[in-house]
C-alpha atoms as a PDB file:
ATOM      1  CA  MET A   1     -25.909  -3.406  43.176  1.00  0.00           C
ATOM      2  CA  ILE A   2     -24.664  -2.096  46.475  1.00  0.00           C
ATOM      3  CA  HIS A   3     -23.908   1.605  46.096  1.00  0.00           C
ATOM      4  CA  HIS A   4     -22.572   2.347  49.540  1.00  0.00           C
ATOM      5  CA  ILE A   5     -21.793   0.756  52.868  1.00  0.00           C
ATOM      6  CA  SER A   6     -21.089   2.195  56.319  1.00  0.00           C
ATOM      7  CA  LEU A   7     -18.277   0.822  58.467  1.00  0.00           C
ATOM      8  CA  ALA A   8     -17.192   1.707  62.000  1.00  0.00           C
ATOM      9  CA  VAL A   9     -13.500   2.414  62.618  1.00  0.00           C
ATOM     10  CA  ASP A  10     -11.356   4.054  65.276  1.00  0.00           C
ATOM     11  CA  ASN A  11      -9.887   6.761  63.034  1.00  0.00           C
ATOM     12  CA  PRO A  12     -12.348   7.540  60.200  1.00  0.00           C
ATOM     13  CA  ARG A  13     -10.225  10.257  58.571  1.00  0.00           C
ATOM     14  CA  HIS A  14      -7.069   8.151  58.408  1.00  0.00           C
ATOM     15  CA  VAL A  15      -8.912   5.045  57.193  1.00  0.00           C
ATOM     16  CA  ALA A  16     -10.617   7.183  54.540  1.00  0.00           C
ATOM     17  CA  GLN A  17      -7.206   8.383  53.339  1.00  0.00           C
ATOM     18  CA  VAL A  18      -5.886   4.806  53.084  1.00  0.00           C
ATOM     19  CA  LEU A  19      -8.982   3.457  51.304  1.00  0.00           C
ATOM     20  CA  ALA A  20      -8.945   6.410  48.898  1.00  0.00           C
ATOM     21  CA  GLU A  21      -5.340   5.494  48.099  1.00  0.00           C
ATOM     22  CA  LEU A  22      -6.291   1.848  47.442  1.00  0.00           C
ATOM     23  CA  TRP A  23      -9.252   2.922  45.288  1.00  0.00           C
ATOM     24  CA  GLN A  24      -7.328   5.759  43.665  1.00  0.00           C
ATOM     25  CA  GLY A  25     -10.299   7.906  44.598  1.00  0.00           C
ATOM     26  CA  GLU A  26     -11.147  10.797  46.900  1.00  0.00           C
ATOM     27  CA  PHE A  27     -12.234  11.198  50.508  1.00  0.00           C
ATOM     28  CA  ALA A  28     -14.193  13.904  52.281  1.00  0.00           C
ATOM     29  CA  PRO A  29     -16.058  14.533  55.543  1.00  0.00           C
ATOM     30  CA  PHE A  30     -19.451  12.827  55.825  1.00  0.00           C
ATOM     31  CA  PRO A  31     -21.581  15.694  57.217  1.00  0.00           C
ATOM     32  CA  PRO A  32     -24.549  13.794  58.671  1.00  0.00           C
ATOM     33  CA  CYS A  33     -22.342  12.211  61.353  1.00  0.00           C
ATOM     34  CA  ASP A  34     -19.763  14.090  63.415  1.00  0.00           C
ATOM     35  CA  GLY A  35     -16.263  12.771  62.819  1.00  0.00           C
ATOM     36  CA  ALA A  36     -17.281  10.578  59.875  1.00  0.00           C
ATOM     37  CA  TYR A  37     -15.681  10.483  56.419  1.00  0.00           C
ATOM     38  CA  MET A  38     -16.577   9.004  53.060  1.00  0.00           C
ATOM     39  CA  VAL A  39     -14.428   7.472  50.346  1.00  0.00           C
ATOM     40  CA  LEU A  40     -15.469   7.766  46.696  1.00  0.00           C
ATOM     41  CA  PRO A  41     -13.858   6.099  43.683  1.00  0.00           C
ATOM     42  CA  LEU A  42     -15.767   8.624  41.539  1.00  0.00           C
ATOM     43  CA  ASP A  43     -17.300   5.902  39.390  1.00  0.00           C
ATOM     44  CA  ILE A  44     -20.550   5.963  37.392  1.00  0.00           C
ATOM     45  CA  ASN A  45     -22.307   3.786  40.018  1.00  0.00           C
ATOM     46  CA  GLY A  46     -22.148   6.327  42.822  1.00  0.00           C
ATOM     47  CA  THR A  47     -20.095   3.935  44.940  1.00  0.00           C
ATOM     48  CA  LEU A  48     -18.878   5.077  48.346  1.00  0.00           C
ATOM     49  CA  ILE A  49     -17.849   3.837  51.765  1.00  0.00           C
ATOM     50  CA  GLU A  50     -18.923   5.783  54.841  1.00  0.00           C
ATOM     51  CA  LEU A  51     -16.451   5.522  57.725  1.00  0.00           C
ATOM     52  CA  LEU A  52     -18.147   6.252  61.015  1.00  0.00           C
ATOM     53  CA  PRO A  53     -16.530   6.534  64.445  1.00  0.00           C
ATOM     54  CA  ARG A  54     -16.502   3.215  66.319  1.00  0.00           C
ATOM     55  CA  GLY A  55     -19.650   2.802  68.371  1.00  0.00           C
ATOM     56  CA  THR A  56     -21.868   4.717  65.941  1.00  0.00           C
ATOM     57  CA  GLU A  57     -25.242   3.082  65.529  1.00  0.00           C
ATOM     58  CA  LEU A  58     -28.135   3.970  63.232  1.00  0.00           C
ATOM     59  CA  ILE A  59     -31.409   4.207  65.156  1.00  0.00           C
ATOM     60  CA  PRO A  60     -34.814   4.193  63.426  1.00  0.00           C
ATOM     61  CA  ARG A  61     -37.090   7.078  64.260  1.00  0.00           C
ATOM     62  CA  THR A  62     -40.727   7.959  63.603  1.00  0.00           C
ATOM     63  CA  GLU A  63     -42.296   8.380  60.195  1.00  0.00           C
ATOM     64  CA  GLU A  64     -41.583  12.100  60.442  1.00  0.00           C
ATOM     65  CA  ARG A  65     -37.842  11.688  61.123  1.00  0.00           C
ATOM     66  CA  GLU A  66     -35.124   9.830  59.300  1.00  0.00           C
ATOM     67  CA  ALA A  67     -32.614   7.490  60.961  1.00  0.00           C
ATOM     68  CA  GLN A  68     -30.485   9.120  63.624  1.00  0.00           C
ATOM     69  CA  PHE A  69     -26.897   8.492  64.687  1.00  0.00           C
ATOM     70  CA  ALA A  70     -26.223   7.402  68.270  1.00  0.00           C
ATOM     71  CA  GLN A  71     -23.081   6.333  70.144  1.00  0.00           C
ATOM     72  CA  ASN A  72     -22.723   2.951  71.839  1.00  0.00           C
ATOM     73  CA  LEU A  73     -19.801   3.196  74.260  1.00  0.00           C
ATOM     74  CA  ASN A  74     -19.735  -0.608  74.696  1.00  0.00           C
ATOM     75  CA  SER A  75     -19.291  -1.627  71.056  1.00  0.00           C
ATOM     76  CA  SER A  76     -16.956  -4.449  70.109  1.00  0.00           C
ATOM     77  CA  ALA A  77     -13.818  -3.863  68.070  1.00  0.00           C
ATOM     78  CA  TYR A  78     -14.934  -6.678  65.730  1.00  0.00           C
ATOM     79  CA  THR A  79     -17.929  -7.095  63.453  1.00  0.00           C
ATOM     80  CA  ALA A  80     -19.320  -9.599  60.983  1.00  0.00           C
ATOM     81  CA  THR A  81     -19.790  -6.743  58.507  1.00  0.00           C
ATOM     82  CA  HIS A  82     -17.233  -6.785  55.726  1.00  0.00           C
ATOM     83  CA  ALA A  83     -17.104  -6.121  52.003  1.00  0.00           C
ATOM     84  CA  ALA A  84     -15.322  -7.392  48.898  1.00  0.00           C
ATOM     85  CA  ILE A  85     -14.048  -4.463  46.862  1.00  0.00           C
ATOM     86  CA  SER A  86     -12.289  -4.331  43.512  1.00  0.00           C
ATOM     87  CA  VAL A  87      -9.349  -1.951  43.559  1.00  0.00           C
ATOM     88  CA  PRO A  88      -7.194  -0.712  40.666  1.00  0.00           C
ATOM     89  CA  VAL A  89      -3.909  -1.206  42.562  1.00  0.00           C
ATOM     90  CA  SER A  90      -1.723  -4.319  42.517  1.00  0.00           C
ATOM     91  CA  GLU A  91      -1.222  -6.874  45.272  1.00  0.00           C
ATOM     92  CA  GLU A  92       2.277  -5.457  45.766  1.00  0.00           C
ATOM     93  CA  GLU A  93       0.845  -1.964  46.316  1.00  0.00           C
ATOM     94  CA  ILE A  94      -1.706  -3.366  48.770  1.00  0.00           C
ATOM     95  CA  ARG A  95       1.077  -5.177  50.633  1.00  0.00           C
ATOM     96  CA  ALA A  96       3.167  -1.992  50.829  1.00  0.00           C
ATOM     97  CA  ILE A  97       0.217  -0.029  52.223  1.00  0.00           C
ATOM     98  CA  ALA A  98      -0.576  -2.769  54.763  1.00  0.00           C
ATOM     99  CA  GLN A  99       3.062  -2.833  55.903  1.00  0.00           C
ATOM    100  CA  ARG A 100       3.195   0.963  56.153  1.00  0.00           C
ATOM    101  CA  GLU A 101       0.008   1.011  58.263  1.00  0.00           C
ATOM    102  CA  ASP A 102       1.023  -2.102  60.244  1.00  0.00           C
ATOM    103  CA  TRP A 103      -2.309  -3.708  59.294  1.00  0.00           C
ATOM    104  CA  HIS A 104      -2.639  -7.459  58.736  1.00  0.00           C
ATOM    105  CA  MET A 105      -2.922  -8.572  55.114  1.00  0.00           C
ATOM    106  CA  ILE A 106      -2.991 -12.061  53.615  1.00  0.00           C
ATOM    107  CA  ARG A 107      -3.893 -13.541  50.223  1.00  0.00           C
ATOM    108  CA  CYS A 108      -6.557 -16.231  50.699  1.00  0.00           C
ATOM    109  CA  ASN A 109      -8.072 -18.951  48.563  1.00  0.00           C
ATOM    110  CA  ARG A 110     -11.828 -19.291  49.094  1.00  0.00           C
ATOM    111  CA  ASP A 111     -12.326 -23.061  48.625  1.00  0.00           C
ATOM    112  CA  ASP A 112     -10.776 -22.966  45.138  1.00  0.00           C
ATOM    113  CA  TYR A 113     -13.621 -20.731  43.886  1.00  0.00           C
ATOM    114  CA  PHE A 114     -11.658 -17.475  43.902  1.00  0.00           C
ATOM    115  CA  GLU A 115      -8.934 -15.631  45.769  1.00  0.00           C
ATOM    116  CA  VAL A 116      -9.128 -12.433  47.802  1.00  0.00           C
ATOM    117  CA  ILE A 117      -6.699 -10.348  49.763  1.00  0.00           C
ATOM    118  CA  GLU A 118      -7.833 -10.025  53.354  1.00  0.00           C
ATOM    119  CA  PHE A 119      -6.973  -6.446  54.330  1.00  0.00           C
ATOM    120  CA  TRP A 120      -7.584  -5.860  58.025  1.00  0.00           C
ATOM    121  CA  VAL A 121      -8.288  -2.147  58.521  1.00  0.00           C
ATOM    122  CA  GLU A 122      -6.935  -1.095  61.914  1.00  0.00           C
ATOM    123  CA  ASN A 123      -6.420  -4.870  62.462  1.00  0.00           C
ATOM    124  CA  HIS A 124     -10.085  -5.462  63.297  1.00  0.00           C
ATOM    125  CA  LEU A 125     -12.215  -4.687  60.208  1.00  0.00           C
ATOM    126  CA  LEU A 126     -12.024  -7.058  57.234  1.00  0.00           C
ATOM    127  CA  ILE A 127     -12.143  -5.753  53.683  1.00  0.00           C
ATOM    128  CA  GLU A 128     -11.577  -8.328  50.976  1.00  0.00           C
ATOM    129  CA  LEU A 129      -9.632  -6.600  48.231  1.00  0.00           C
ATOM    130  CA  LEU A 130      -9.727  -7.737  44.624  1.00  0.00           C
ATOM    131  CA  PRO A 131      -6.852  -6.246  42.628  1.00  0.00           C
ATOM    132  CA  PRO A 132      -7.047  -6.608  38.832  1.00  0.00           C
ATOM    133  CA  ALA A 133      -4.969  -9.815  38.798  1.00  0.00           C
ATOM    134  CA  ILE A 134      -7.567 -11.721  40.853  1.00  0.00           C
ATOM    135  CA  ALA A 135     -10.823  -9.777  40.375  1.00  0.00           C
ATOM    136  CA  SER A 136     -11.653 -11.824  37.269  1.00  0.00           C
ATOM    137  CA  GLN A 137     -11.760 -15.039  39.371  1.00  0.00           C
ATOM    138  CA  TYR A 138     -14.394 -13.546  41.645  1.00  0.00           C
ATOM    139  CA  LEU A 139     -16.410 -12.120  38.747  1.00  0.00           C
ATOM    140  CA  SER A 140     -16.288 -15.449  36.899  1.00  0.00           C
ATOM    141  CA  PHE A 141     -17.465 -17.341  39.979  1.00  0.00           C
ATOM    142  CA  MET A 142     -20.277 -14.835  40.649  1.00  0.00           C
ATOM    143  CA  HIS A 143     -21.513 -14.824  37.029  1.00  0.00           C
ATOM    144  CA  PRO A 144     -25.168 -16.006  37.017  1.00  0.00           C
ATOM    145  CA  GLN A 145     -24.454 -18.980  34.737  1.00  0.00           C
ATOM    146  CA  ALA A 146     -21.627 -20.145  36.999  1.00  0.00           C
ATOM    147  CA  LEU A 147     -23.647 -19.592  40.165  1.00  0.00           C
ATOM    148  CA  ARG A 148     -26.684 -21.655  39.144  1.00  0.00           C
ATOM    149  CA  PRO A 149     -24.952 -25.068  39.392  1.00  0.00           C
ATOM    150  CA  PHE A 150     -23.134 -23.957  42.559  1.00  0.00           C
ATOM    151  CA  LEU A 151     -26.408 -22.933  44.220  1.00  0.00           C
ATOM    152  CA  THR A 152     -28.112 -26.145  43.074  1.00  0.00           C
ATOM    153  CA  ASN A 153     -25.342 -28.180  44.700  1.00  0.00           C
ATOM    154  CA  MET A 154     -25.535 -26.084  47.877  1.00  0.00           C
ATOM    155  CA  ALA A 155     -29.325 -26.236  48.218  1.00  0.00           C
ATOM    156  CA  ILE A 156     -30.627 -27.623  51.478  1.00  0.00           C
ATOM    157  CA  ALA A 157     -32.488 -30.883  51.065  1.00  0.00           C
ATOM    158  CA  SER A 158     -36.274 -30.615  50.991  1.00  0.00           C
ATOM    159  CA  PRO A 159     -38.357 -32.284  53.748  1.00  0.00           C
ATOM    160  CA  GLU A 160     -39.340 -34.974  51.221  1.00  0.00           C
ATOM    161  CA  ASP A 161     -35.649 -35.795  50.567  1.00  0.00           C
ATOM    162  CA  ILE A 162     -35.024 -36.175  54.292  1.00  0.00           C
ATOM    163  CA  THR A 163     -38.103 -38.417  54.741  1.00  0.00           C
ATOM    164  CA  GLN A 164     -37.061 -40.658  51.827  1.00  0.00           C
ATOM    165  CA  ALA A 165     -33.486 -40.902  53.097  1.00  0.00           C
ATOM    166  CA  GLY A 166     -34.612 -41.852  56.626  1.00  0.00           C
END
């Protein structure tokens, strides 16, 4: 289980407010990093999202010191980091929030396995939202018994298979 994730955004406080609205949770400053905020759905899993100012990087330190925050002034506005998050609000509520914020949002079909709502925070950070109406598709697909045949079909051929085929 992933309990928390850190994401870089231009306006951490505002993004925290919007994500708290989608999650119907709370947001608060994230003290270890200046200008950072966290969003908490207040669930039993201790789930949270840390929203750090764009350009923040975590740097490993010595055995005596924990990771430190540093600023990279040349960071890209885009990242491969994203998350799929179940939210208690409807697709219509997500759409209204996206329109209000002027952030891109689109409902997508992931190869007929499940659907997600791509919610583009500040129009550069992808969060795949799973409102109640479509969360069950994702959970059904990701169930271990459903995943086993999928993973078997997706497995890369062994060297012996390649030799026999050639």
